[in-house]
């Protein structure tokens, strides 16, 4: 029998659920340092190395240090390094030296701030190594080191000091949730153009910026080694949020796991991971958000394991999203939209998202196969541009898919029933005979049309839903005392899908999802 969740884990799960419901910032939790070390540097310390030791308890997975000192106005300088529990020459002993260039750094098994080395975090006495290249004869300097410890199961965005929001205002943020690079099978032409090579992450980031995206998820196959590159690149690319992810790639289907770099055993069918339910249970323990990828792809030698083909029934309560649109498949037979709507019909509230599945960051629109970065784009209504806020928005279903990955197309479906209000992903309680007031707002090309669906079937209100650049239209619907889901698409003048909206759910008489 597996050990039960810790109280810390249960509290964090409750916080994440709350953030998805009300937009509460998860940054407010667990932001106090575990240790605060204070001391003083004197003239006698000039040209010496001053050790500041601290104890790392068992089961710590990450150490984050914020360091500051006084006396800069007197040209005092304190350099900063880190030693493991066995000292400089011990196992994992020397963990880095930043000189005076960094006030904040982190180390873990998967990633570390540049100047420092990733590696195991072993319990014992660690040392902040302070180098004193200069302090004047009559000066003193006070230093403070704040230290945070992460443990298995902590959300990846903690401590908050390490992952500040890139933008603090609420809004619609556009991103790509499925892409590959050098850390799995992403490749592109080399600088000379003479060969294909593993495609470096910075090219994916630059392509995303050119496409006008606000966030991307780097979802290499079963790998989180890209986390170290992300740790280096995120401070520079401070307008594009880099979300940790991986594509859980099994013989029986693929799924993206967002929001964690912790190791997850993906070997479905093995003794340790007998089925998808076991894998999903482990993902839940690390607060991961799971989306089933390209569920209707072939499961044969042309695309081994690509289609969703679990050997045993899967508890869909442990899944949060479905990749309804993968690359340019929105109008193709293997689109994931019918698969997604099937589970909506069963009463599950799964968010429909999109991802390019890009494998070549230099790919042009005319390149055959794969998807262009940002095509499609997943557009998330979030309280801020941060990892917890974007993931909370996806969990809540506050999402639409821009199939062609534009910068400005918009689909916003809201509803009111009495004093209740809802946006996409929310639910209303509507008894039989009660009126629901829907409002759909769209920005799309001239001649596009809004397509309203109730339980996947066309709802044709007596209102012209043709878009003339923009549209803001109200619709009335009368409840029948049963459970429904209502969503909107936008189609171009030729019938092609442009925008795919998530549902607003109608509950009645105490009915709940299965």
Protein backbone atom coordinates (compact mmCIF):
# COMPACT_ATOMS: atom_id res chain seq x y z
CA UNK A 1 0.00 0.00 0.00
CA UNK A 2 1.32 3.42 -0.88
CA UNK A 3 1.83 5.97 1.87
CA UNK A 4 -0.97 8.56 2.11
CA UNK A 5 -0.41 12.13 0.97
CA UNK A 6 1.29 14.38 3.50
CA UNK A 7 -0.65 17.22 5.11
CA UNK A 8 1.52 19.64 3.11
CA UNK A 9 0.51 17.92 -0.14
CA UNK A 10 -3.19 17.94 0.75
CA UNK A 11 -3.06 21.63 1.63
CA UNK A 12 -1.36 22.46 -1.67
CA UNK A 13 -3.98 20.48 -3.60
CA UNK A 14 -6.71 22.45 -1.86
CA UNK A 15 -4.95 25.70 -2.72
CA UNK A 16 -4.66 24.77 -6.40
CA UNK A 17 -8.36 23.87 -6.52
CA UNK A 18 -9.19 27.21 -4.91
CA UNK A 19 -7.00 29.12 -7.36
CA UNK A 20 -8.80 27.49 -10.30
CA UNK A 21 -12.20 28.46 -8.89
CA UNK A 22 -11.64 32.03 -7.77
CA UNK A 23 -8.38 33.15 -9.34
CA UNK A 24 -6.57 33.21 -5.99
CA UNK A 25 -2.83 33.51 -6.52
CA UNK A 26 -0.97 30.39 -5.44
CA UNK A 27 2.04 32.63 -4.89
CA UNK A 28 0.54 33.56 -1.53
CA UNK A 29 1.30 30.12 -0.09
CA UNK A 30 4.54 28.72 1.27
CA UNK A 31 6.47 31.86 0.42
CA UNK A 32 8.21 32.21 3.79
CA UNK A 33 11.82 30.98 3.85
CA UNK A 34 12.65 27.87 5.83
CA UNK A 35 15.85 29.43 7.16
CA UNK A 36 17.12 32.97 7.62
CA UNK A 37 20.85 33.26 8.26
CA UNK A 38 22.35 36.56 9.36
CA UNK A 39 25.93 37.59 10.03
CA UNK A 40 28.51 40.30 9.76
CA UNK A 41 31.69 40.76 7.75
CA UNK A 42 34.59 42.70 9.28
CA UNK A 43 37.86 44.18 7.93
CA UNK A 44 39.72 41.11 9.20
CA UNK A 45 37.70 39.03 6.71
CA UNK A 46 39.16 40.85 3.72
CA UNK A 47 40.65 38.44 1.14
CA UNK A 48 39.28 35.39 2.97
CA UNK A 49 36.56 32.82 2.38
CA UNK A 50 33.87 32.91 5.04
CA UNK A 51 31.81 29.68 5.43
CA UNK A 52 28.16 29.96 6.50
CA UNK A 53 26.82 26.48 7.21
CA UNK A 54 23.21 25.33 7.31
CA UNK A 55 21.51 21.99 7.75
CA UNK A 56 19.53 20.43 4.89
CA UNK A 57 16.96 17.93 6.21
CA UNK A 58 16.08 14.65 4.47
CA UNK A 59 13.78 14.54 1.44
CA UNK A 60 14.65 18.02 0.16
CA UNK A 61 14.56 18.23 -3.65
CA UNK A 62 15.55 21.87 -4.22
CA UNK A 63 17.51 24.56 -2.38
CA UNK A 64 16.84 28.21 -3.20
CA UNK A 65 18.96 31.01 -1.73
CA UNK A 66 18.36 34.75 -1.74
CA UNK A 67 21.40 36.68 -0.53
CA UNK A 68 21.95 40.36 0.19
CA UNK A 69 24.31 42.52 2.19
CA UNK A 70 24.97 46.11 3.23
CA UNK A 71 28.02 48.25 2.56
CA UNK A 72 27.93 48.49 -1.21
CA UNK A 73 28.14 52.27 -0.86
CA UNK A 74 31.55 51.69 0.76
CA UNK A 75 32.64 49.34 -2.04
CA UNK A 76 32.23 46.24 0.10
CA UNK A 77 31.97 43.18 -2.14
CA UNK A 78 30.86 39.68 -1.16
CA UNK A 79 31.05 36.83 -3.67
CA UNK A 80 28.82 33.77 -3.30
CA UNK A 81 29.30 30.03 -3.76
CA UNK A 82 27.76 26.78 -2.55
CA UNK A 83 29.27 23.55 -1.22
CA UNK A 84 27.54 20.22 -0.62
CA UNK A 85 27.69 18.25 2.65
CA UNK A 86 31.07 16.61 1.89
CA UNK A 87 32.95 19.86 1.35
CA UNK A 88 34.71 21.21 -1.73
CA UNK A 89 36.23 17.94 -2.93
CA UNK A 90 33.48 15.61 -1.77
CA UNK A 91 30.71 13.90 -3.73
CA UNK A 92 28.68 16.69 -5.37
CA UNK A 93 30.84 18.97 -3.23
CA UNK A 94 31.43 22.10 -5.27
CA UNK A 95 27.99 23.20 -6.48
CA UNK A 96 28.88 26.56 -7.97
CA UNK A 97 30.31 30.03 -7.72
CA UNK A 98 28.58 33.15 -8.97
CA UNK A 99 30.99 35.77 -7.73
CA UNK A 100 28.96 38.86 -6.95
CA UNK A 101 26.69 38.53 -9.99
CA UNK A 102 23.64 36.90 -8.42
CA UNK A 103 21.44 37.66 -5.43
CA UNK A 104 19.19 34.66 -6.05
CA UNK A 105 19.97 31.10 -7.12
CA UNK A 106 18.52 27.60 -6.98
CA UNK A 107 19.86 24.05 -7.31
CA UNK A 108 18.00 20.77 -7.79
CA UNK A 109 18.50 17.42 -9.48
CA UNK A 110 17.01 18.69 -12.76
CA UNK A 111 18.16 22.28 -13.00
CA UNK A 112 20.20 25.05 -11.46
CA UNK A 113 20.74 28.75 -11.90
CA UNK A 114 23.65 29.43 -14.27
CA UNK A 115 26.93 29.44 -12.29
CA UNK A 116 25.62 26.47 -10.27
CA UNK A 117 25.44 22.74 -10.95
CA UNK A 118 22.30 20.60 -10.90
CA UNK A 119 22.53 17.39 -8.91
CA UNK A 120 21.15 15.39 -6.03
CA UNK A 121 20.24 17.28 -2.87
CA UNK A 122 21.66 15.14 -0.08
CA UNK A 123 20.83 15.81 3.57
CA UNK A 124 23.55 17.14 5.80
CA UNK A 125 25.54 20.30 6.47
CA UNK A 126 25.81 22.52 3.40
CA UNK A 127 27.87 25.68 3.14
CA UNK A 128 27.31 29.09 1.63
CA UNK A 129 30.83 30.12 0.73
CA UNK A 130 31.31 33.88 1.00
CA UNK A 131 34.39 35.31 -0.69
CA UNK A 132 35.47 38.78 0.46
CA UNK A 133 37.51 40.52 -2.26
CA UNK A 134 37.09 43.92 -0.62
CA UNK A 135 36.03 45.52 2.64
CA UNK A 136 37.55 48.74 3.92
CA UNK A 137 39.48 48.95 7.19
CA UNK A 138 36.82 50.85 9.13
CA UNK A 139 33.77 49.21 7.52
CA UNK A 140 31.43 46.40 8.47
CA UNK A 141 28.76 44.68 6.37
CA UNK A 142 25.65 42.82 7.47
CA UNK A 143 24.48 39.93 5.32
CA UNK A 144 21.19 38.01 5.18
CA UNK A 145 20.63 34.68 3.46
CA UNK A 146 17.05 33.44 3.04
CA UNK A 147 16.82 29.75 2.21
CA UNK A 148 13.85 27.76 0.92
CA UNK A 149 13.63 23.95 0.77
CA UNK A 150 11.37 22.19 -1.73
CA UNK A 151 10.12 18.66 -1.13
CA UNK A 152 8.69 15.97 -3.36
CA UNK A 153 5.15 16.95 -4.29
CA UNK A 154 5.63 20.70 -4.00
CA UNK A 155 4.27 22.68 -6.98
CA UNK A 156 6.96 23.66 -9.45
CA UNK A 157 6.24 27.38 -9.03
CA UNK A 158 7.41 27.43 -5.41
CA UNK A 159 9.15 29.25 -3.91
CA UNK A 160 7.40 32.27 -5.39
CA UNK A 161 10.54 34.38 -5.20
CA UNK A 162 12.01 32.14 -7.90
CA UNK A 163 9.04 32.41 -10.28
CA UNK A 164 7.51 35.90 -10.25
CA UNK A 165 4.64 36.64 -12.65
CA UNK A 166 5.68 38.20 -15.94
CA UNK A 167 2.52 40.33 -16.01
CA UNK A 168 0.24 40.97 -13.05
CA UNK A 169 -2.94 41.97 -14.83
CA UNK A 170 -5.81 39.63 -15.71
CA UNK A 171 -6.38 38.98 -19.38
CA UNK A 172 -6.47 36.55 -22.27
CA UNK A 173 -3.04 35.00 -22.76
CA UNK A 174 -2.04 33.10 -25.89
CA UNK A 175 0.25 30.08 -25.92
CA UNK A 176 1.35 26.78 -27.44
CA UNK A 177 1.02 23.74 -25.16
CA UNK A 178 2.77 21.04 -27.20
CA UNK A 179 6.24 21.33 -28.71
CA UNK A 180 9.52 19.40 -28.94
CA UNK A 181 13.18 20.31 -29.21
CA UNK A 182 16.68 18.96 -28.73
CA UNK A 183 15.76 17.16 -25.52
CA UNK A 184 13.68 14.62 -27.46
CA UNK A 185 13.04 14.31 -31.20
CA UNK A 186 12.89 17.95 -32.27
CA UNK A 187 15.37 18.71 -35.06
CA UNK A 188 16.17 21.49 -37.50
CA UNK A 189 18.84 22.43 -40.03
CA UNK A 190 22.21 23.44 -38.59
CA UNK A 191 23.70 26.92 -38.93
CA UNK A 192 25.41 25.92 -42.20
CA UNK A 193 22.29 24.23 -43.48
CA UNK A 194 24.28 21.11 -44.24
CA UNK A 195 22.61 18.73 -41.81
CA UNK A 196 19.74 18.24 -39.40
CA UNK A 197 20.65 18.51 -35.72
CA UNK A 198 18.81 18.50 -32.38
CA UNK A 199 17.03 21.85 -32.35
CA UNK A 200 18.10 24.13 -29.45
CA UNK A 201 15.45 25.57 -27.18
CA UNK A 202 16.21 29.20 -27.93
CA UNK A 203 14.97 28.72 -31.51
CA UNK A 204 11.60 27.51 -30.23
CA UNK A 205 11.41 30.54 -27.95
CA UNK A 206 12.28 32.94 -30.77
CA UNK A 207 9.66 31.33 -33.02
CA UNK A 208 7.05 31.72 -30.27
CA UNK A 209 7.91 35.40 -29.85
CA UNK A 210 7.60 35.95 -33.59
CA UNK A 211 4.15 34.38 -33.41
CA UNK A 212 3.09 36.79 -30.65
CA UNK A 213 2.70 34.17 -27.92
CA UNK A 214 2.65 34.86 -24.19
CA UNK A 215 3.54 31.36 -22.97
CA UNK A 216 4.80 28.01 -24.22
CA UNK A 217 5.08 24.55 -22.67
CA UNK A 218 8.21 22.58 -23.59
CA UNK A 219 6.86 19.03 -23.74
CA UNK A 220 9.70 16.73 -24.74
CA UNK A 221 9.04 12.97 -24.67
CA UNK A 222 9.33 11.64 -21.10
CA UNK A 223 12.16 14.09 -20.44
CA UNK A 224 12.61 17.07 -18.14
CA UNK A 225 16.26 17.72 -19.03
CA UNK A 226 15.08 20.89 -20.80
CA UNK A 227 14.45 22.38 -17.34
CA UNK A 228 18.07 23.43 -17.03
CA UNK A 229 17.92 25.35 -20.31
CA UNK A 230 14.68 26.98 -19.19
CA UNK A 231 16.28 28.08 -15.93
CA UNK A 232 18.94 29.95 -17.92
CA UNK A 233 16.65 31.41 -20.59
CA UNK A 234 13.59 32.55 -18.61
CA UNK A 235 15.20 35.65 -17.02
CA UNK A 236 16.17 37.00 -20.44
CA UNK A 237 12.88 36.15 -22.15
CA UNK A 238 10.81 38.05 -19.62
CA UNK A 239 7.78 38.51 -21.89
CA UNK A 240 7.32 34.81 -22.68
CA UNK A 241 6.41 32.41 -19.88
CA UNK A 242 8.18 29.04 -20.10
CA UNK A 243 6.03 26.33 -18.53
CA UNK A 244 7.68 23.00 -17.61
CA UNK A 245 6.03 20.02 -19.26
CA UNK A 246 6.71 16.63 -20.78
CA UNK A 247 4.83 14.33 -23.12
CA UNK A 248 4.19 11.10 -21.24
CA UNK A 249 4.89 8.76 -24.13
CA UNK A 250 3.72 5.19 -23.64
CA UNK A 251 2.88 2.18 -25.79
CA UNK A 252 -0.82 2.90 -25.09
CA UNK A 253 -1.18 6.62 -25.70
CA UNK A 254 0.42 9.99 -25.09
CA UNK A 255 -0.48 12.71 -22.61
CA UNK A 256 1.12 16.01 -21.66
CA UNK A 257 1.95 16.61 -18.00
CA UNK A 258 2.24 20.31 -17.20
CA UNK A 259 3.62 22.17 -14.22
CA UNK A 260 6.22 19.84 -12.73
CA UNK A 261 9.79 18.67 -13.29
CA UNK A 262 9.60 15.81 -10.81
CA UNK A 263 10.44 12.33 -12.11
CA UNK A 264 7.40 10.30 -13.15
CA UNK A 265 7.68 6.64 -14.17
CA UNK A 266 6.01 6.51 -17.60
CA UNK A 267 6.42 2.77 -18.24
CA UNK A 268 2.74 1.85 -18.50
CA UNK A 269 2.42 -1.93 -18.60
CA UNK A 270 5.38 -2.53 -16.29
CA UNK A 271 5.22 -3.97 -12.79
CA UNK A 272 5.60 -0.54 -11.19
CA UNK A 273 3.12 1.19 -13.52
CA UNK A 274 0.57 -1.46 -14.46
CA UNK A 275 -1.84 0.90 -16.24
CA UNK A 276 -2.67 4.51 -16.99
CA UNK A 277 -4.54 4.88 -13.69
CA UNK A 278 -1.31 4.25 -11.79
CA UNK A 279 0.51 6.84 -13.89
CA UNK A 280 -2.25 9.40 -13.43
CA UNK A 281 -2.23 8.83 -9.67
CA UNK A 282 1.46 9.73 -9.57
CA UNK A 283 0.84 12.82 -11.69
CA UNK A 284 -1.80 13.98 -9.20
CA UNK A 285 0.67 13.73 -6.31
CA UNK A 286 2.94 16.32 -7.95
CA UNK A 287 0.01 18.64 -8.81
CA UNK A 288 0.46 18.02 -12.51
CA UNK A 289 -2.15 18.97 -15.09
CA UNK A 290 -2.75 16.11 -17.54
CA UNK A 291 -4.00 16.44 -21.11
CA UNK A 292 -4.55 13.45 -23.42
CA UNK A 293 -2.75 14.18 -26.71
CA UNK A 294 -3.92 13.50 -30.29
CA UNK A 295 -6.26 10.73 -29.08
CA UNK A 296 -7.47 9.63 -32.53
CA UNK A 297 -4.05 9.20 -34.15
CA UNK A 298 -3.12 5.75 -35.47
CA UNK A 299 -1.73 3.22 -33.03
CA UNK A 300 0.39 1.20 -35.44
CA UNK A 301 3.80 1.24 -37.11
CA UNK A 302 3.07 4.63 -38.69
CA UNK A 303 2.71 6.24 -35.26
CA UNK A 304 3.47 3.73 -32.51
CA UNK A 305 1.51 4.43 -29.35
CA UNK A 306 0.22 7.79 -30.65
CA UNK A 307 -3.50 7.00 -30.41
CA UNK A 308 -5.24 6.74 -27.05
CA UNK A 309 -5.44 2.96 -26.52
CA UNK A 310 -5.33 2.10 -22.80
CA UNK A 311 -5.61 -1.59 -22.02
CA UNK A 312 -7.89 -0.99 -19.01
CA UNK A 313 -10.61 1.61 -18.37
CA UNK A 314 -9.13 4.93 -17.29
CA UNK A 315 -10.47 7.00 -14.41
CA UNK A 316 -11.11 10.20 -16.36
CA UNK A 317 -11.50 12.16 -13.13
CA UNK A 318 -7.70 12.19 -13.06
CA UNK A 319 -7.51 13.88 -16.49
CA UNK A 320 -7.97 17.64 -16.75
CA UNK A 321 -7.81 18.34 -20.48
CA UNK A 322 -7.99 16.90 -24.00
CA UNK A 323 -5.88 18.08 -26.91
CA UNK A 324 -8.88 18.73 -29.13
CA UNK A 325 -6.77 20.28 -31.90
CA UNK A 326 -3.26 19.03 -32.70
CA UNK A 327 -1.37 20.93 -35.36
CA UNK A 328 -3.58 21.51 -38.37
CA UNK A 329 -6.02 18.64 -37.76
CA UNK A 330 -9.11 20.65 -36.76
CA UNK A 331 -10.91 19.73 -39.99
CA UNK A 332 -9.33 16.30 -40.50
CA UNK A 333 -10.78 12.87 -39.66
CA UNK A 334 -8.30 12.34 -36.84
CA UNK A 335 -9.08 15.58 -34.99
CA UNK A 336 -9.55 15.15 -31.26
CA UNK A 337 -12.75 17.22 -31.10
CA UNK A 338 -15.23 14.27 -31.30
CA UNK A 339 -13.20 12.37 -28.67
CA UNK A 340 -13.34 15.41 -26.38
CA UNK A 341 -17.07 15.89 -26.93
CA UNK A 342 -17.71 12.22 -26.20
CA UNK A 343 -16.33 12.69 -22.70
CA UNK A 344 -18.28 15.92 -22.28
CA UNK A 345 -21.41 13.92 -23.11
CA UNK A 346 -20.49 11.50 -20.31
CA UNK A 347 -20.56 14.40 -17.86
CA UNK A 348 -16.80 14.95 -17.48
CA UNK A 349 -15.65 18.56 -17.45
CA UNK A 350 -12.46 18.32 -19.48
CA UNK A 351 -10.90 21.42 -20.98
CA UNK A 352 -10.36 21.40 -24.73
CA UNK A 353 -6.92 22.75 -25.61
CA UNK A 354 -4.68 22.89 -28.67
CA UNK A 355 -0.99 22.31 -29.36
CA UNK A 356 1.19 22.57 -32.45
CA UNK A 357 3.20 19.39 -31.70
CA UNK A 358 6.04 21.26 -33.37
CA UNK A 359 9.25 19.28 -33.94
CA UNK A 360 11.17 21.92 -35.94
CA UNK A 361 11.32 25.47 -34.61
CA UNK A 362 12.58 26.72 -38.00
CA UNK A 363 9.64 25.17 -39.82
CA UNK A 364 7.83 27.35 -42.35
CA UNK A 365 4.13 27.24 -43.06
CA UNK A 366 4.82 25.33 -46.28
CA UNK A 367 6.87 22.59 -44.58
CA UNK A 368 5.02 19.24 -44.80
CA UNK A 369 4.13 17.43 -41.60
CA UNK A 370 4.10 18.62 -38.01
CA UNK A 371 2.74 21.95 -36.85
CA UNK A 372 4.00 25.49 -37.02
CA UNK A 373 4.84 26.94 -33.58
CA UNK A 374 1.69 28.56 -32.22
CA UNK A 375 -0.67 26.84 -34.67
CA UNK A 376 -3.06 26.27 -33.04
CA UNK A 377 -2.90 28.68 -30.13
CA UNK A 378 -4.53 27.96 -26.79
CA UNK A 379 -5.95 31.20 -25.37
CA UNK A 380 -6.40 31.25 -21.58
CA UNK A 381 -8.28 33.74 -19.44
CA UNK A 382 -6.00 34.02 -16.42
CA UNK A 383 -5.55 36.30 -13.42
CA UNK A 384 -1.93 37.03 -14.43
CA UNK A 385 0.82 35.73 -16.67
CA UNK A 386 2.37 33.15 -14.36
CA UNK A 387 2.64 29.39 -14.28
CA UNK A 388 0.03 28.83 -11.53
CA UNK A 389 -2.40 31.31 -13.07
CA UNK A 390 -2.19 29.84 -16.59
CA UNK A 391 -2.57 26.28 -15.29
CA UNK A 392 -5.46 27.35 -13.04
CA UNK A 393 -7.17 28.93 -16.05
CA UNK A 394 -6.79 25.71 -18.03
CA UNK A 395 -8.09 23.61 -15.13
CA UNK A 396 -11.09 25.92 -14.88
CA UNK A 397 -11.82 25.67 -18.62
CA UNK A 398 -11.43 29.40 -19.22
CA UNK A 399 -10.04 28.64 -22.66
CA UNK A 400 -10.66 28.80 -26.38
CA UNK A 401 -8.55 27.49 -29.26
CA UNK A 402 -7.44 29.75 -32.10
CA UNK A 403 -7.04 27.14 -34.81
CA UNK A 404 -4.90 29.28 -37.13
CA UNK A 405 -2.84 30.80 -34.33
CA UNK A 406 -3.59 34.46 -34.99
CA UNK A 407 -2.67 37.33 -32.70
CA UNK A 408 -6.09 38.89 -32.33
CA UNK A 409 -9.05 36.58 -32.95
CA UNK A 410 -11.34 36.34 -29.96
CA UNK A 411 -14.15 34.16 -28.64
CA UNK A 412 -15.78 34.92 -25.30
CA UNK A 413 -18.95 33.09 -24.25
CA UNK A 414 -20.57 34.10 -20.96
CA UNK A 415 -23.93 33.34 -19.35
CA UNK A 416 -26.24 34.57 -16.61
CA UNK A 417 -29.08 32.81 -14.84
CA UNK A 418 -30.65 34.91 -12.14
CA UNK A 419 -27.82 36.05 -9.88
CA UNK A 420 -25.42 33.43 -11.26
CA UNK A 421 -22.83 34.24 -13.89
CA UNK A 422 -20.44 32.00 -15.79
CA UNK A 423 -17.69 32.11 -18.38
CA UNK A 424 -16.41 29.18 -20.41
CA UNK A 425 -15.62 26.29 -18.07
CA UNK A 426 -18.03 27.43 -15.36
CA UNK A 427 -21.39 25.90 -14.39
CA UNK A 428 -24.86 27.30 -13.77
CA UNK A 429 -27.71 25.68 -11.84
CA UNK A 430 -30.79 26.04 -14.04
CA UNK A 431 -34.16 24.47 -13.09
CA UNK A 432 -36.75 23.64 -15.72
CA UNK A 433 -38.39 26.73 -17.15
CA UNK A 434 -35.67 29.13 -16.01
CA UNK A 435 -34.05 31.46 -18.52
CA UNK A 436 -30.34 31.59 -19.31
CA UNK A 437 -28.95 34.71 -20.94
CA UNK A 438 -25.90 33.89 -23.09
CA UNK A 439 -23.60 36.54 -24.56
CA UNK A 440 -21.10 35.71 -27.28
CA UNK A 441 -18.38 38.17 -28.26
CA UNK A 442 -16.20 37.45 -31.28
CA UNK A 443 -13.44 39.04 -33.31
CA UNK A 444 -12.95 37.17 -36.58
CA UNK A 445 -12.69 37.77 -40.34
CA UNK A 446 -15.55 39.33 -42.25
CA UNK A 447 -18.23 36.78 -43.06
CA UNK A 448 -17.34 34.30 -40.33
CA UNK A 449 -20.24 32.78 -38.40
CA UNK A 450 -20.74 31.70 -34.81
CA UNK A 451 -21.86 28.08 -34.44
CA UNK A 452 -23.67 27.37 -31.17
CA UNK A 453 -23.74 23.78 -29.86
CA UNK A 454 -25.80 22.18 -27.11
CA UNK A 455 -24.46 18.74 -26.17
CA UNK A 456 -22.57 18.74 -29.48
CA UNK A 457 -25.70 19.34 -31.58
CA UNK A 458 -26.36 22.58 -33.47
CA UNK A 459 -28.42 25.19 -31.67
CA UNK A 460 -29.83 27.61 -34.19
CA UNK A 461 -31.23 30.66 -32.43
CA UNK A 462 -33.30 33.12 -34.45
CA UNK A 463 -30.47 35.60 -34.45
CA UNK A 464 -27.96 36.39 -37.17
CA UNK A 465 -24.57 35.29 -35.88
CA UNK A 466 -22.56 36.49 -38.86
CA UNK A 467 -19.37 38.29 -37.87
CA UNK A 468 -18.56 41.62 -39.49
CA UNK A 469 -15.08 42.01 -38.02
CA UNK A 470 -16.59 41.78 -34.56
CA UNK A 471 -19.80 40.55 -32.97
CA UNK A 472 -21.50 40.96 -29.59
CA UNK A 473 -24.77 39.09 -29.47
CA UNK A 474 -27.16 37.97 -26.72
CA UNK A 475 -29.08 34.70 -26.83
CA UNK A 476 -31.85 33.34 -24.62
CA UNK A 477 -32.28 29.68 -23.71
CA UNK A 478 -34.86 28.03 -21.46
CA UNK A 479 -33.76 25.26 -19.12
CA UNK A 480 -35.44 21.86 -19.30
CA UNK A 481 -34.34 20.50 -15.90
CA UNK A 482 -31.58 18.34 -17.36
CA UNK A 483 -27.81 18.54 -17.53
CA UNK A 484 -26.28 20.09 -20.65
CA UNK A 485 -23.12 21.67 -21.98
CA UNK A 486 -23.21 24.68 -24.29
CA UNK A 487 -20.30 25.96 -26.32
CA UNK A 488 -19.50 28.01 -29.42
CA UNK A 489 -17.32 27.62 -32.49
CA UNK A 490 -16.50 30.23 -35.09
CA UNK A 491 -16.29 29.11 -38.72
CA UNK A 492 -14.93 31.03 -41.68
CA UNK A 493 -16.98 31.93 -44.72
CA UNK A 494 -15.99 28.63 -46.35
CA UNK A 495 -16.98 26.61 -43.28
CA UNK A 496 -13.48 26.06 -41.89
CA UNK A 497 -13.04 26.04 -38.12
CA UNK A 498 -11.40 29.23 -36.87
CA UNK A 499 -12.13 29.24 -33.14
CA UNK A 500 -13.16 26.43 -30.78
CA UNK A 501 -14.75 27.39 -27.48
CA UNK A 502 -15.05 25.48 -24.22
CA UNK A 503 -18.43 24.73 -22.68
CA UNK A 504 -20.53 26.43 -20.09
CA UNK A 505 -22.16 23.65 -18.08
CA UNK A 506 -25.81 23.55 -17.12
CA UNK A 507 -26.66 21.70 -13.91
CA UNK A 508 -30.10 21.10 -12.49
CA UNK A 509 -31.76 19.27 -9.63
CA UNK A 510 -28.52 18.35 -7.88
CA UNK A 511 -27.01 16.63 -10.93
CA UNK A 512 -23.24 16.48 -10.83
CA UNK A 513 -20.48 15.21 -13.06
CA UNK A 514 -19.77 11.45 -12.76
